[in-house]
């Protein structure tokens, strides 16, 4: 018993000693309090008159955290820092040089690049961002034609935190019509480095046309198209209406309404889910053409006249083929490959792409798409009286 008692006393003394050491250790005492930091949530890069311009959107902990006492209707304006320099790194450093709080870069979620900056190439921007160890590869990347400072100043609905805007969430932009989903940095960088794979960076702008607070117009984010790159060099931009062929190829799309037109009127509206596109290159001698197959799940959202399942599928096929061929033609006119036909050729015959060089790049011609086949499985007509024969 006496030995056991001595053992317990010794253990208690050790525990007390550890507690004293922990309390006396500086630990995180030198770190600033959470509320005394400035959290960088978005960065913008521009290029003007031979100088790099940097913008940082900064929020405080009280702007980000949700509490039970938080009330709607209280404005939460973001703070914008700006700077310039001969390099992107110097411009970012200049943007935060006189911040009154210590900046924390671990919460950066968005990178916006202007057209002028992207024309200079994305190599220097990528290298500069990578120097900030806290910035992750999972940030969203956007391009824009608008002033970056104006974009970073856009507020959220109901005066919620700016982090509640769709630019930061990226979930199909919260709009069923959005088939060009935001891209994260690691996917963009992978596409930039992959032979034959056209990297796409969505273009974003703020539109004041749809929403208002009372009688005051409120600007909201929307995707308006995409910028195309080849080996870190920007090739061109296509508008969203010119990229409608991509809506048949993106399995990330959760809900996509498609209008079926015929005889000058809308015959039906269907909703697609997780559409997939399969591209098969067919090479005969030095000539390559492509067969495209589209597979999707769908259900009828609106039916303006009685249609059989066969008629509906025929209409869907006509709509899909028109979209795909138009997007291909628009991309070809600007030197872009939005359907990733060259990448499909690379995957099927990588040696030819490696050895062909410029010849492989000229594979795409107006008649490169040989055939398009569409297969949409309908769950039914819902409440409409369609014929399933």
Protein backbone atom coordinates (compact mmCIF):
# COMPACT_ATOMS: atom_id res chain seq x y z
CA UNK A 1 0.00 0.00 0.00
CA UNK A 2 2.83 2.36 0.90
CA UNK A 3 4.51 1.73 -2.46
CA UNK A 4 1.23 2.41 -4.26
CA UNK A 5 0.75 5.65 -2.33
CA UNK A 6 4.27 6.80 -3.23
CA UNK A 7 3.58 5.94 -6.88
CA UNK A 8 0.42 8.03 -6.96
CA UNK A 9 2.23 10.99 -5.32
CA UNK A 10 5.02 10.77 -7.87
CA UNK A 11 2.51 10.69 -10.75
CA UNK A 12 0.66 13.70 -9.36
CA UNK A 13 3.95 15.65 -9.01
CA UNK A 14 4.82 14.87 -12.63
CA UNK A 15 1.39 15.99 -13.85
CA UNK A 16 1.63 19.24 -11.87
CA UNK A 17 5.10 19.86 -13.28
CA UNK A 18 3.82 19.37 -16.83
CA UNK A 19 0.92 21.76 -16.20
CA UNK A 20 3.33 24.41 -14.92
CA UNK A 21 5.59 23.95 -17.93
CA UNK A 22 2.63 24.22 -20.34
CA UNK A 23 1.32 27.36 -18.66
CA UNK A 24 4.75 28.93 -18.66
CA UNK A 25 5.47 28.07 -22.30
CA UNK A 26 4.91 30.93 -24.76
CA UNK A 27 3.08 28.56 -27.18
CA UNK A 28 0.85 30.71 -29.38
CA UNK A 29 1.16 33.72 -27.14
CA UNK A 30 3.17 35.53 -29.80
CA UNK A 31 0.49 34.91 -32.42
CA UNK A 32 -2.13 37.63 -32.85
CA UNK A 33 -5.66 37.02 -31.67
CA UNK A 34 -8.10 35.71 -34.25
CA UNK A 35 -10.05 38.95 -34.36
CA UNK A 36 -6.84 40.95 -34.80
CA UNK A 37 -5.95 39.47 -38.17
CA UNK A 38 -6.86 40.51 -41.69
CA UNK A 39 -7.94 37.48 -43.71
CA UNK A 40 -7.11 37.69 -47.42
CA UNK A 41 -9.98 35.93 -49.21
CA UNK A 42 -9.43 36.89 -52.86
CA UNK A 43 -6.63 38.17 -55.08
CA UNK A 44 -6.74 40.02 -58.38
CA UNK A 45 -3.90 40.46 -60.88
CA UNK A 46 -3.86 43.08 -63.64
CA UNK A 47 -1.23 44.47 -66.02
CA UNK A 48 -1.19 48.11 -67.10
CA UNK A 49 1.45 50.31 -68.72
CA UNK A 50 4.28 47.86 -68.10
CA UNK A 51 3.41 47.37 -64.42
CA UNK A 52 1.73 44.53 -62.58
CA UNK A 53 -1.26 45.57 -60.48
CA UNK A 54 -2.38 43.52 -57.50
CA UNK A 55 -5.63 43.67 -55.53
CA UNK A 56 -6.44 41.80 -52.34
CA UNK A 57 -9.85 41.46 -50.73
CA UNK A 58 -9.56 41.44 -46.94
CA UNK A 59 -12.14 40.41 -44.36
CA UNK A 60 -12.01 40.41 -40.60
CA UNK A 61 -13.06 37.49 -38.42
CA UNK A 62 -16.26 39.32 -37.47
CA UNK A 63 -17.16 39.53 -41.19
CA UNK A 64 -16.64 35.80 -41.73
CA UNK A 65 -17.88 34.08 -38.58
CA UNK A 66 -21.55 33.24 -38.17
CA UNK A 67 -23.04 33.70 -34.74
CA UNK A 68 -26.50 33.49 -33.27
CA UNK A 69 -26.39 37.21 -32.69
CA UNK A 70 -25.61 37.94 -36.34
CA UNK A 71 -28.38 40.02 -37.88
CA UNK A 72 -29.30 40.31 -41.52
CA UNK A 73 -29.38 43.72 -43.08
CA UNK A 74 -26.12 44.97 -41.56
CA UNK A 75 -23.70 45.77 -44.40
CA UNK A 76 -20.50 43.72 -44.51
CA UNK A 77 -18.28 45.68 -46.92
CA UNK A 78 -15.00 44.06 -47.98
CA UNK A 79 -11.76 45.99 -47.71
CA UNK A 80 -9.68 46.20 -50.88
CA UNK A 81 -5.90 46.62 -50.88
CA UNK A 82 -4.09 47.64 -54.06
CA UNK A 83 -0.47 47.76 -55.13
CA UNK A 84 1.84 47.78 -58.15
CA UNK A 85 5.30 46.57 -59.03
CA UNK A 86 7.63 45.30 -61.72
CA UNK A 87 6.71 41.72 -60.81
CA UNK A 88 3.59 40.04 -59.49
CA UNK A 89 5.31 39.30 -56.18
CA UNK A 90 6.30 42.95 -55.71
CA UNK A 91 2.78 44.09 -56.57
CA UNK A 92 1.24 41.72 -53.99
CA UNK A 93 3.73 42.87 -51.36
CA UNK A 94 2.93 46.50 -52.17
CA UNK A 95 -0.81 45.83 -51.82
CA UNK A 96 -0.45 44.82 -48.17
CA UNK A 97 2.50 46.93 -47.09
CA UNK A 98 0.53 49.37 -44.91
CA UNK A 99 -2.18 47.01 -43.65
CA UNK A 100 -2.97 47.82 -40.02
CA UNK A 101 -3.44 44.14 -39.14
CA UNK A 102 -1.30 41.09 -39.84
CA UNK A 103 -2.46 39.48 -43.10
CA UNK A 104 -3.26 35.78 -43.18
CA UNK A 105 -3.25 34.12 -46.62
CA UNK A 106 -4.61 30.69 -45.66
CA UNK A 107 -8.21 31.64 -46.50
CA UNK A 108 -7.64 32.75 -50.10
CA UNK A 109 -10.35 31.12 -52.21
CA UNK A 110 -10.39 33.09 -55.48
CA UNK A 111 -7.86 34.37 -58.00
CA UNK A 112 -9.09 36.81 -60.68
CA UNK A 113 -6.90 37.73 -63.65
CA UNK A 114 -7.55 40.49 -66.14
CA UNK A 115 -7.28 39.92 -69.88
CA UNK A 116 -4.14 42.06 -70.01
CA UNK A 117 -2.53 39.97 -67.28
CA UNK A 118 -3.41 36.69 -69.00
CA UNK A 119 -2.00 37.93 -72.30
CA UNK A 120 1.35 38.34 -70.56
CA UNK A 121 1.20 34.63 -69.75
CA UNK A 122 0.21 32.86 -66.57
CA UNK A 123 3.70 31.56 -65.70
CA UNK A 124 4.72 34.54 -63.59
CA UNK A 125 1.32 34.71 -61.87
CA UNK A 126 1.55 31.02 -60.97
CA UNK A 127 5.09 31.34 -59.61
CA UNK A 128 4.17 34.39 -57.53
CA UNK A 129 1.11 32.74 -55.99
CA UNK A 130 3.11 29.61 -55.16
CA UNK A 131 5.51 31.68 -53.06
CA UNK A 132 2.72 32.17 -50.52
CA UNK A 133 2.83 28.84 -48.71
CA UNK A 134 -0.61 29.26 -47.16
CA UNK A 135 -2.35 29.65 -50.54
CA UNK A 136 -3.76 26.29 -51.65
CA UNK A 137 -4.11 24.77 -55.11
CA UNK A 138 -7.87 24.49 -54.59
CA UNK A 139 -8.64 28.17 -55.14
CA UNK A 140 -11.04 29.08 -57.96
CA UNK A 141 -9.54 30.82 -60.99
CA UNK A 142 -11.42 33.36 -63.10
CA UNK A 143 -10.65 35.76 -65.91
CA UNK A 144 -12.44 39.06 -66.46
CA UNK A 145 -12.85 42.07 -68.72
CA UNK A 146 -14.19 44.18 -65.85
CA UNK A 147 -12.13 46.29 -63.45
CA UNK A 148 -10.97 43.85 -60.78
CA UNK A 149 -11.57 46.30 -57.95
CA UNK A 150 -15.23 46.54 -59.01
CA UNK A 151 -15.58 42.73 -58.93
CA UNK A 152 -13.98 42.41 -55.50
CA UNK A 153 -16.33 45.08 -54.14
CA UNK A 154 -19.51 43.19 -55.14
CA UNK A 155 -21.59 42.33 -52.08
CA UNK A 156 -23.76 39.33 -51.25
CA UNK A 157 -27.54 39.06 -51.05
CA UNK A 158 -29.11 40.12 -47.73
CA UNK A 159 -25.75 41.68 -46.78
CA UNK A 160 -24.32 38.30 -45.84
CA UNK A 161 -20.58 37.71 -45.83
CA UNK A 162 -18.92 38.19 -49.24
CA UNK A 163 -17.86 34.54 -48.90
CA UNK A 164 -21.50 33.59 -49.47
CA UNK A 165 -21.37 34.85 -53.06
CA UNK A 166 -21.29 32.33 -55.90
CA UNK A 167 -17.77 33.37 -56.86
CA UNK A 168 -16.55 31.72 -53.67
CA UNK A 169 -18.90 28.72 -53.55
CA UNK A 170 -18.55 27.63 -57.19
CA UNK A 171 -21.47 25.17 -56.97
CA UNK A 172 -22.63 25.33 -60.64
CA UNK A 173 -22.87 29.06 -59.93
CA UNK A 174 -26.20 28.22 -58.25
CA UNK A 175 -27.99 28.64 -61.59
CA UNK A 176 -29.40 25.74 -63.64
CA UNK A 177 -28.38 27.48 -66.88
CA UNK A 178 -24.70 27.49 -65.87
CA UNK A 179 -22.99 24.62 -67.65
CA UNK A 180 -19.49 26.12 -67.46
CA UNK A 181 -18.59 25.42 -63.85
CA UNK A 182 -15.75 27.24 -62.04
CA UNK A 183 -12.30 25.67 -62.25
CA UNK A 184 -9.91 25.11 -59.36
CA UNK A 185 -6.23 25.93 -59.73
CA UNK A 186 -4.91 22.37 -59.66
CA UNK A 187 -7.18 21.37 -62.56
CA UNK A 188 -6.26 24.44 -64.61
CA UNK A 189 -2.53 23.90 -64.02
CA UNK A 190 -2.85 20.23 -64.96
CA UNK A 191 -4.60 21.15 -68.22
CA UNK A 192 -2.00 23.82 -69.00
CA UNK A 193 0.77 21.23 -68.71
CA UNK A 194 -0.98 18.40 -70.60
CA UNK A 195 -0.25 18.14 -74.36
CA UNK A 196 -3.33 18.75 -76.48
CA UNK A 197 -5.52 19.69 -73.53
CA UNK A 198 -7.02 23.18 -73.81
CA UNK A 199 -7.15 24.81 -70.39
CA UNK A 200 -10.35 26.79 -69.81
CA UNK A 201 -10.62 29.59 -67.28
CA UNK A 202 -14.21 30.88 -66.89
CA UNK A 203 -14.75 34.59 -67.41
CA UNK A 204 -16.77 36.34 -64.72
CA UNK A 205 -18.48 39.69 -64.41
CA UNK A 206 -20.99 41.43 -62.16
CA UNK A 207 -24.38 42.10 -63.71
CA UNK A 208 -26.81 44.70 -62.25
CA UNK A 209 -29.67 43.72 -64.56
CA UNK A 210 -31.52 41.00 -62.63
CA UNK A 211 -31.62 41.94 -58.95
CA UNK A 212 -32.46 45.03 -56.93
CA UNK A 213 -32.72 45.92 -53.26
CA UNK A 214 -35.94 47.89 -53.28
CA UNK A 215 -35.40 50.23 -56.21
CA UNK A 216 -31.60 50.07 -56.06
CA UNK A 217 -29.96 47.77 -58.64
CA UNK A 218 -27.64 45.20 -57.08
CA UNK A 219 -24.80 43.66 -59.07
CA UNK A 220 -24.46 39.88 -58.88
CA UNK A 221 -21.76 37.58 -60.22
CA UNK A 222 -22.29 35.57 -63.39
CA UNK A 223 -20.13 33.50 -65.74
CA UNK A 224 -20.10 34.97 -69.24
CA UNK A 225 -17.79 32.65 -71.17
CA UNK A 226 -14.35 31.12 -71.06
CA UNK A 227 -10.72 31.94 -71.86
CA UNK A 228 -8.72 29.27 -73.67
CA UNK A 229 -5.03 28.58 -73.20
CA UNK A 230 -2.35 26.45 -74.79
CA UNK A 231 0.85 25.91 -72.81
CA UNK A 232 0.20 28.92 -70.52
CA UNK A 233 -0.51 31.21 -73.50
CA UNK A 234 -3.97 32.70 -73.91
CA UNK A 235 -5.48 31.90 -77.32
CA UNK A 236 -8.85 33.61 -77.15
CA UNK A 237 -12.24 33.93 -75.50
CA UNK A 238 -15.62 32.48 -76.39
CA UNK A 239 -18.92 33.79 -75.06
CA UNK A 240 -21.25 31.56 -73.09
CA UNK A 241 -23.75 31.34 -75.96
CA UNK A 242 -20.91 30.20 -78.24
CA UNK A 243 -20.03 27.41 -75.81
CA UNK A 244 -23.45 25.76 -75.65
CA UNK A 245 -21.96 22.59 -77.10
CA UNK A 246 -20.11 22.10 -73.81
CA UNK A 247 -23.35 21.64 -71.92
CA UNK A 248 -23.59 18.16 -73.44
CA UNK A 249 -20.17 17.15 -72.12
CA UNK A 250 -19.90 18.15 -68.46
CA UNK A 251 -20.86 15.40 -65.96
CA UNK A 252 -20.43 17.93 -63.13
CA UNK A 253 -23.61 19.69 -64.23
CA UNK A 254 -26.37 18.71 -61.82
CA UNK A 255 -29.37 20.28 -63.55
CA UNK A 256 -29.51 21.75 -67.04
CA UNK A 257 -32.71 22.92 -68.79
CA UNK A 258 -32.64 22.46 -72.58
CA UNK A 259 -35.22 24.03 -74.87
CA UNK A 260 -36.33 21.92 -77.84
CA UNK A 261 -37.12 24.12 -80.86
CA UNK A 262 -39.05 23.09 -83.98
CA UNK A 263 -41.30 24.85 -86.49
CA UNK A 264 -40.34 28.23 -85.05
CA UNK A 265 -41.60 27.46 -81.54
CA UNK A 266 -40.50 25.76 -78.32
CA UNK A 267 -41.90 22.24 -78.39
CA UNK A 268 -40.57 21.08 -75.03
CA UNK A 269 -38.15 21.83 -72.20
CA UNK A 270 -36.17 18.97 -70.74
CA UNK A 271 -33.75 18.87 -67.84
CA UNK A 272 -30.47 16.99 -68.23
CA UNK A 273 -28.33 15.58 -65.44
CA UNK A 274 -24.65 14.57 -65.66
CA UNK A 275 -24.29 14.65 -69.47
CA UNK A 276 -21.23 12.81 -70.80
CA UNK A 277 -19.48 13.06 -74.15
CA UNK A 278 -17.36 10.31 -75.66
CA UNK A 279 -15.01 11.28 -78.50
CA UNK A 280 -13.54 8.61 -80.77
CA UNK A 281 -10.79 9.69 -83.22
CA UNK A 282 -10.84 7.87 -86.55
CA UNK A 283 -7.53 8.14 -88.42
CA UNK A 284 -7.18 7.09 -92.06
CA UNK A 285 -3.72 7.83 -93.42
CA UNK A 286 -2.89 11.43 -92.55
CA UNK A 287 -6.53 12.40 -92.05
CA UNK A 288 -8.25 12.30 -88.66
CA UNK A 289 -11.97 12.72 -88.02
CA UNK A 290 -14.00 12.32 -84.84
CA UNK A 291 -17.14 10.43 -83.91
CA UNK A 292 -18.98 11.92 -80.91
CA UNK A 293 -21.44 10.17 -78.62
CA UNK A 294 -23.54 12.01 -76.02
CA UNK A 295 -25.18 10.20 -73.09
CA UNK A 296 -27.39 11.86 -70.48
CA UNK A 297 -30.28 11.33 -68.10
CA UNK A 298 -33.29 13.56 -68.51
CA UNK A 299 -36.88 14.26 -67.63
CA UNK A 300 -39.53 16.45 -69.19
CA UNK A 301 -39.91 19.83 -67.55
CA UNK A 302 -42.37 21.34 -70.04
CA UNK A 303 -44.31 19.87 -72.96
CA UNK A 304 -46.19 22.19 -75.31
CA UNK A 305 -47.62 19.49 -77.56
CA UNK A 306 -48.03 15.75 -77.36
CA UNK A 307 -44.83 13.99 -78.40
CA UNK A 308 -43.75 10.38 -78.50
CA UNK A 309 -40.50 9.34 -76.89
CA UNK A 310 -38.98 8.80 -80.33
CA UNK A 311 -39.97 12.31 -81.45
CA UNK A 312 -38.57 13.83 -78.28
CA UNK A 313 -35.26 11.99 -78.70
CA UNK A 314 -35.05 13.14 -82.32
CA UNK A 315 -35.55 16.75 -81.23
CA UNK A 316 -32.89 16.37 -78.51
CA UNK A 317 -30.45 14.91 -81.03
CA UNK A 318 -31.02 17.80 -83.45
CA UNK A 319 -30.49 20.33 -80.65
CA UNK A 320 -27.32 18.61 -79.40
CA UNK A 321 -25.81 18.30 -82.88
CA UNK A 322 -26.49 21.96 -83.66
CA UNK A 323 -24.91 23.08 -80.36
CA UNK A 324 -21.83 20.89 -80.73
CA UNK A 325 -21.13 21.82 -84.35
CA UNK A 326 -21.61 25.53 -83.68
CA UNK A 327 -19.26 25.48 -80.69
CA UNK A 328 -16.68 23.58 -82.72
CA UNK A 329 -16.93 26.07 -85.60
CA UNK A 330 -16.66 29.08 -83.26
CA UNK A 331 -13.62 27.58 -81.57
CA UNK A 332 -12.00 26.73 -84.90
CA UNK A 333 -12.41 30.34 -86.09
CA UNK A 334 -10.48 31.57 -83.04
CA UNK A 335 -7.89 28.80 -82.92
CA UNK A 336 -9.50 27.16 -79.87
CA UNK A 337 -10.52 23.56 -79.26
CA UNK A 338 -13.35 23.78 -76.70
CA UNK A 339 -14.53 20.20 -77.31
CA UNK A 340 -11.01 18.84 -76.57
CA UNK A 341 -10.80 16.88 -79.81
CA UNK A 342 -7.02 17.15 -79.97
CA UNK A 343 -6.80 15.88 -76.41
CA UNK A 344 -8.89 12.84 -77.38
CA UNK A 345 -6.44 12.27 -80.26
CA UNK A 346 -3.52 12.55 -77.84
CA UNK A 347 -5.05 9.99 -75.49
CA UNK A 348 -5.66 7.55 -78.33
CA UNK A 349 -2.31 8.10 -80.07
CA UNK A 350 0.17 10.03 -77.90
CA UNK A 351 3.13 9.25 -80.17
CA UNK A 352 1.50 10.99 -83.11
CA UNK A 353 0.85 14.12 -81.07
CA UNK A 354 4.43 14.14 -79.76
CA UNK A 355 6.02 13.58 -83.16
CA UNK A 356 3.52 15.53 -85.23
CA UNK A 357 4.11 18.90 -83.58
CA UNK A 358 2.55 21.59 -85.75
CA UNK A 359 1.01 18.96 -88.00
CA UNK A 360 -1.02 17.62 -85.07
CA UNK A 361 -2.25 21.13 -84.32
CA UNK A 362 -3.59 21.41 -87.88
CA UNK A 363 -5.62 18.21 -87.53
CA UNK A 364 -8.80 20.20 -86.89
CA UNK A 365 -10.70 21.20 -90.03
CA UNK A 366 -14.29 22.32 -90.64
CA UNK A 367 -15.29 18.72 -91.42
CA UNK A 368 -13.29 17.10 -88.58
CA UNK A 369 -16.49 16.00 -86.81
CA UNK A 370 -17.66 12.99 -88.80
CA UNK A 371 -20.75 12.01 -86.82
CA UNK A 372 -22.69 12.84 -83.66
CA UNK A 373 -24.91 10.35 -81.86
CA UNK A 374 -27.16 11.28 -78.93
CA UNK A 375 -28.69 8.96 -76.35
CA UNK A 376 -30.86 10.49 -73.63
CA UNK A 377 -32.68 8.22 -71.19
CA UNK A 378 -35.94 9.80 -70.03
CA UNK A 379 -37.37 8.86 -66.65
CA UNK A 380 -40.82 9.66 -68.03
CA UNK A 381 -43.08 12.56 -68.86
CA UNK A 382 -44.13 13.36 -65.31
CA UNK A 383 -47.64 14.84 -65.32
CA UNK A 384 -47.62 15.37 -69.07
CA UNK A 385 -49.46 13.05 -71.43
CA UNK A 386 -46.62 11.94 -73.62
CA UNK A 387 -46.52 8.69 -75.57
CA UNK A 388 -43.82 6.26 -74.54
CA UNK A 389 -44.04 4.26 -77.77
